[in-house]
Amino acid sequence: MKCYRPISAVKDDFIIIHTNGVHSVGLDFCGCELAEQTSQQLLRVHWFPASSDKPRTAASFAVLKQFHLLSFESKVSTYEFYNALMRMLDQVGKLECKV
């Protein structure tokens, strides 16, 4: 459905952590009277919000599953996993490898 009262998220600088890297995207939440909370709207598109109140960052369910598997199988730490995702980006914030 199309929202006729969109609310911009964080000045169009929302951070998404996904399996192919960390991305800054423009995002609008539904601002209608009957709209769900912003965190619930993110969960509906399979993005887990970093905070429940005014989220500015979210991780995709796919990257959470990937981290879950790697942390059990290879004992990778959260820090190492995040750094590996960041290395997928070059110095100007674009993907080096095509996925």
N, C-alpha and C. Protein backbone atom coordinates (compact mmCIF):
# COMPACT_ATOMS: atom_id res chain seq x y z
N MET A 1 0.83 -1.19 0.00
CA MET A 1 0.00 0.00 0.00
C MET A 1 0.87 1.25 0.00
N LYS A 2 0.38 2.27 -0.58
CA LYS A 2 1.08 3.53 -0.61
C LYS A 2 0.64 4.40 0.57
N CYS A 3 1.60 5.02 1.23
CA CYS A 3 1.30 5.92 2.34
C CYS A 3 1.21 7.35 1.82
N TYR A 4 0.19 8.05 2.25
CA TYR A 4 0.00 9.42 1.80
C TYR A 4 0.54 10.44 2.80
N ARG A 5 1.10 9.96 3.92
CA ARG A 5 1.71 10.84 4.92
C ARG A 5 3.05 10.27 5.37
N PRO A 6 4.01 10.08 4.43
CA PRO A 6 5.28 9.48 4.82
C PRO A 6 6.08 10.41 5.74
N ILE A 7 6.82 9.78 6.66
CA ILE A 7 7.71 10.51 7.56
C ILE A 7 9.13 10.06 7.26
N SER A 8 9.99 11.00 6.92
CA SER A 8 11.38 10.69 6.60
C SER A 8 12.11 10.18 7.84
N ALA A 9 12.90 9.15 7.66
CA ALA A 9 13.69 8.57 8.75
C ALA A 9 15.07 9.19 8.79
N VAL A 10 15.40 9.85 9.85
CA VAL A 10 16.74 10.37 10.11
C VAL A 10 17.32 11.14 8.92
N LYS A 11 16.59 12.07 8.41
CA LYS A 11 17.07 12.90 7.29
C LYS A 11 17.58 12.06 6.13
N ASP A 12 16.87 10.98 5.81
CA ASP A 12 17.24 10.07 4.72
C ASP A 12 18.66 9.52 4.87
N ASP A 13 19.06 9.20 6.10
CA ASP A 13 20.36 8.62 6.36
C ASP A 13 20.19 7.43 7.30
N PHE A 14 19.38 6.46 6.89
CA PHE A 14 19.11 5.27 7.68
C PHE A 14 20.15 4.21 7.35
N ILE A 15 20.70 3.53 8.34
CA ILE A 15 21.75 2.54 8.14
C ILE A 15 21.15 1.14 8.13
N ILE A 16 21.44 0.39 7.07
CA ILE A 16 21.00 -1.00 6.95
C ILE A 16 22.25 -1.89 6.91
N ILE A 17 22.28 -2.89 7.78
CA ILE A 17 23.36 -3.88 7.78
C ILE A 17 22.80 -5.13 7.11
N HIS A 18 23.43 -5.50 5.99
CA HIS A 18 22.95 -6.64 5.21
C HIS A 18 24.13 -7.54 4.88
N THR A 19 23.87 -8.68 4.28
CA THR A 19 24.92 -9.66 3.98
C THR A 19 25.96 -9.13 3.00
N ASN A 20 25.64 -8.13 2.22
CA ASN A 20 26.60 -7.59 1.25
C ASN A 20 27.21 -6.27 1.70
N GLY A 21 27.08 -5.92 2.97
CA GLY A 21 27.73 -4.72 3.49
C GLY A 21 26.80 -3.86 4.33
N VAL A 22 27.31 -2.67 4.64
CA VAL A 22 26.57 -1.69 5.45
C VAL A 22 26.20 -0.54 4.53
N HIS A 23 24.92 -0.19 4.50
CA HIS A 23 24.42 0.78 3.54
C HIS A 23 23.67 1.92 4.21
N SER A 24 23.83 3.11 3.68
CA SER A 24 23.05 4.26 4.11
C SER A 24 21.97 4.49 3.06
N VAL A 25 20.71 4.47 3.48
CA VAL A 25 19.60 4.56 2.54
C VAL A 25 18.61 5.64 2.97
N GLY A 26 17.85 6.14 2.02
CA GLY A 26 16.73 7.02 2.32
C GLY A 26 15.53 6.15 2.64
N LEU A 27 14.84 6.43 3.73
CA LEU A 27 13.74 5.59 4.17
C LEU A 27 12.61 6.45 4.69
N ASP A 28 11.39 6.10 4.33
CA ASP A 28 10.21 6.78 4.84
C ASP A 28 9.36 5.78 5.61
N PHE A 29 8.91 6.21 6.78
CA PHE A 29 7.96 5.42 7.56
C PHE A 29 6.56 5.91 7.25
N CYS A 30 5.57 5.05 7.48
CA CYS A 30 4.18 5.44 7.31
C CYS A 30 3.80 6.36 8.46
N GLY A 31 3.23 7.50 8.13
CA GLY A 31 2.85 8.47 9.15
C GLY A 31 1.34 8.60 9.31
N CYS A 32 0.58 7.68 8.76
CA CYS A 32 -0.88 7.73 8.85
C CYS A 32 -1.32 7.53 10.31
N GLU A 33 -2.55 7.92 10.59
CA GLU A 33 -3.08 7.81 11.95
C GLU A 33 -3.05 6.40 12.49
N LEU A 34 -3.37 5.43 11.67
CA LEU A 34 -3.45 4.05 12.11
C LEU A 34 -2.15 3.27 11.88
N ALA A 35 -1.08 3.96 11.56
CA ALA A 35 0.21 3.30 11.27
C ALA A 35 0.79 2.66 12.53
N GLU A 36 1.48 1.56 12.32
CA GLU A 36 2.17 0.89 13.41
C GLU A 36 3.39 1.69 13.82
N GLN A 37 3.97 1.33 14.96
CA GLN A 37 5.20 1.98 15.40
C GLN A 37 6.29 1.71 14.37
N THR A 38 7.28 2.60 14.34
CA THR A 38 8.35 2.47 13.34
C THR A 38 9.10 1.14 13.48
N SER A 39 9.33 0.69 14.70
CA SER A 39 10.04 -0.58 14.88
C SER A 39 9.21 -1.75 14.32
N GLN A 40 7.91 -1.69 14.47
CA GLN A 40 7.04 -2.74 13.93
C GLN A 40 7.04 -2.70 12.39
N GLN A 41 7.08 -1.50 11.82
CA GLN A 41 7.13 -1.38 10.36
C GLN A 41 8.42 -2.00 9.82
N LEU A 42 9.53 -1.83 10.53
CA LEU A 42 10.80 -2.42 10.11
C LEU A 42 10.74 -3.95 10.21
N LEU A 43 10.19 -4.46 11.28
CA LEU A 43 10.09 -5.91 11.45
C LEU A 43 9.25 -6.55 10.35
N ARG A 44 8.24 -5.85 9.87
CA ARG A 44 7.38 -6.38 8.80
C ARG A 44 8.13 -6.57 7.49
N VAL A 45 9.21 -5.79 7.27
CA VAL A 45 10.02 -5.97 6.05
C VAL A 45 11.29 -6.77 6.33
N HIS A 46 11.30 -7.46 7.49
CA HIS A 46 12.40 -8.34 7.89
C HIS A 46 13.69 -7.59 8.17
N TRP A 47 13.56 -6.42 8.78
CA TRP A 47 14.70 -5.65 9.27
C TRP A 47 14.56 -5.54 10.77
N PHE A 48 15.59 -5.94 11.52
CA PHE A 48 15.55 -5.88 12.98
C PHE A 48 16.12 -4.54 13.43
N PRO A 49 15.30 -3.69 14.07
CA PRO A 49 15.77 -2.36 14.48
C PRO A 49 16.79 -2.43 15.61
N ALA A 50 17.76 -1.53 15.57
CA ALA A 50 18.78 -1.48 16.62
C ALA A 50 18.22 -0.92 17.92
N SER A 51 17.14 -0.15 17.84
CA SER A 51 16.47 0.36 19.03
C SER A 51 14.97 0.38 18.75
N SER A 52 14.20 0.34 19.81
CA SER A 52 12.74 0.33 19.63
C SER A 52 12.16 1.74 19.53
N ASP A 53 12.87 2.72 20.05
CA ASP A 53 12.40 4.10 20.02
C ASP A 53 13.21 4.90 19.00
N LYS A 54 12.58 5.37 17.95
CA LYS A 54 13.22 6.14 16.88
C LYS A 54 14.44 5.43 16.30
N PRO A 55 14.26 4.27 15.71
CA PRO A 55 15.40 3.53 15.17
C PRO A 55 16.09 4.29 14.03
N ARG A 56 17.41 4.22 14.02
CA ARG A 56 18.23 4.85 12.98
C ARG A 56 19.07 3.82 12.24
N THR A 57 19.06 2.59 12.75
CA THR A 57 19.84 1.50 12.19
C THR A 57 19.04 0.21 12.31
N ALA A 58 19.19 -0.66 11.30
CA ALA A 58 18.54 -1.96 11.35
C ALA A 58 19.42 -2.99 10.66
N ALA A 59 19.28 -4.24 11.09
CA ALA A 59 19.99 -5.35 10.47
C ALA A 59 18.96 -6.26 9.80
N SER A 60 19.27 -6.69 8.59
CA SER A 60 18.34 -7.59 7.89
C SER A 60 18.33 -8.94 8.60
N PHE A 61 17.20 -9.63 8.49
CA PHE A 61 17.11 -10.96 9.07
C PHE A 61 18.16 -11.88 8.44
N ALA A 62 18.47 -11.67 7.17
CA ALA A 62 19.46 -12.51 6.48
C ALA A 62 20.84 -12.36 7.10
N VAL A 63 21.26 -11.15 7.44
CA VAL A 63 22.59 -10.96 8.03
C VAL A 63 22.61 -11.49 9.47
N LEU A 64 21.49 -11.40 10.17
CA LEU A 64 21.43 -11.96 11.52
C LEU A 64 21.56 -13.49 11.47
N LYS A 65 20.92 -14.11 10.49
CA LYS A 65 21.03 -15.56 10.34
C LYS A 65 22.47 -15.94 9.97
N GLN A 66 23.07 -15.15 9.06
CA GLN A 66 24.45 -15.42 8.65
C GLN A 66 25.39 -15.31 9.85
N PHE A 67 25.24 -14.28 10.65
CA PHE A 67 26.09 -14.13 11.83
C PHE A 67 25.86 -15.26 12.82
N HIS A 68 24.62 -15.64 13.01
CA HIS A 68 24.29 -16.73 13.93
C HIS A 68 25.03 -18.02 13.52
N LEU A 69 24.97 -18.35 12.24
CA LEU A 69 25.64 -19.56 11.75
C LEU A 69 27.16 -19.47 11.89
N LEU A 70 27.72 -18.32 11.51
CA LEU A 70 29.18 -18.16 11.58
C LEU A 70 29.69 -18.13 13.00
N SER A 71 28.92 -17.55 13.91
CA SER A 71 29.38 -17.47 15.29
C SER A 71 29.43 -18.85 15.94
N PHE A 72 28.53 -19.75 15.56
CA PHE A 72 28.55 -21.10 16.11
C PHE A 72 29.57 -21.99 15.41
N GLU A 73 29.69 -21.87 14.11
CA GLU A 73 30.57 -22.76 13.36
C GLU A 73 32.03 -22.33 13.39
N SER A 74 32.28 -21.02 13.29
CA SER A 74 33.67 -20.58 13.20
C SER A 74 34.11 -19.70 14.37
N LYS A 75 33.20 -19.47 15.30
CA LYS A 75 33.49 -18.67 16.50
C LYS A 75 33.89 -17.24 16.16
N VAL A 76 33.36 -16.70 15.06
CA VAL A 76 33.65 -15.31 14.69
C VAL A 76 32.98 -14.38 15.70
N SER A 77 33.69 -13.33 16.10
CA SER A 77 33.12 -12.37 17.05
C SER A 77 32.26 -11.36 16.30
N THR A 78 31.44 -10.65 17.03
CA THR A 78 30.61 -9.61 16.44
C THR A 78 31.49 -8.55 15.79
N TYR A 79 32.56 -8.17 16.46
CA TYR A 79 33.49 -7.16 15.95
C TYR A 79 34.11 -7.61 14.62
N GLU A 80 34.57 -8.84 14.55
CA GLU A 80 35.18 -9.37 13.33
C GLU A 80 34.16 -9.46 12.20
N PHE A 81 32.96 -9.88 12.52
CA PHE A 81 31.91 -9.99 11.51
C PHE A 81 31.56 -8.62 10.93
N TYR A 82 31.39 -7.63 11.79
CA TYR A 82 31.07 -6.27 11.33
C TYR A 82 32.21 -5.71 10.48
N ASN A 83 33.45 -5.91 10.90
CA ASN A 83 34.59 -5.42 10.12
C ASN A 83 34.66 -6.08 8.75
N ALA A 84 34.31 -7.36 8.68
CA ALA A 84 34.29 -8.05 7.38
C ALA A 84 33.23 -7.43 6.47
N LEU A 85 32.07 -7.10 7.03
CA LEU A 85 31.03 -6.44 6.23
C LEU A 85 31.50 -5.07 5.74
N MET A 86 32.18 -4.34 6.60
CA MET A 86 32.67 -3.01 6.23
C MET A 86 33.74 -3.09 5.14
N ARG A 87 34.53 -4.15 5.13
CA ARG A 87 35.57 -4.32 4.11
C ARG A 87 34.99 -4.58 2.73
N MET A 88 33.72 -4.93 2.67
CA MET A 88 33.08 -5.15 1.38
C MET A 88 32.82 -3.82 0.66
N LEU A 89 32.97 -2.72 1.37
CA LEU A 89 32.77 -1.39 0.78
C LEU A 89 34.12 -0.76 0.49
N ASP A 90 34.19 0.02 -0.58
CA ASP A 90 35.43 0.73 -0.85
C ASP A 90 35.41 2.08 -0.14
N GLN A 91 36.36 2.93 -0.41
CA GLN A 91 36.50 4.19 0.30
C GLN A 91 35.38 5.20 0.06
N VAL A 92 34.63 5.05 -1.02
CA VAL A 92 33.53 5.99 -1.28
C VAL A 92 32.18 5.39 -0.91
N GLY A 93 32.18 4.23 -0.27
CA GLY A 93 30.94 3.64 0.21
C GLY A 93 30.16 2.84 -0.81
N LYS A 94 30.82 2.41 -1.88
CA LYS A 94 30.14 1.59 -2.89
C LYS A 94 30.67 0.17 -2.81
N LEU A 95 29.86 -0.76 -3.22
CA LEU A 95 30.26 -2.16 -3.18
C LEU A 95 31.41 -2.43 -4.13
N GLU A 96 32.42 -3.17 -3.66
CA GLU A 96 33.51 -3.58 -4.53
C GLU A 96 33.13 -4.77 -5.37
N CYS A 97 32.42 -5.71 -4.79
CA CYS A 97 32.03 -6.91 -5.53
C CYS A 97 30.54 -6.86 -5.84
N LYS A 98 30.19 -7.32 -6.99
CA LYS A 98 28.79 -7.36 -7.39
C LYS A 98 28.15 -8.61 -6.83
N VAL A 99 27.02 -8.43 -6.18
CA VAL A 99 26.34 -9.57 -5.57
C VAL A 99 25.05 -9.83 -6.30
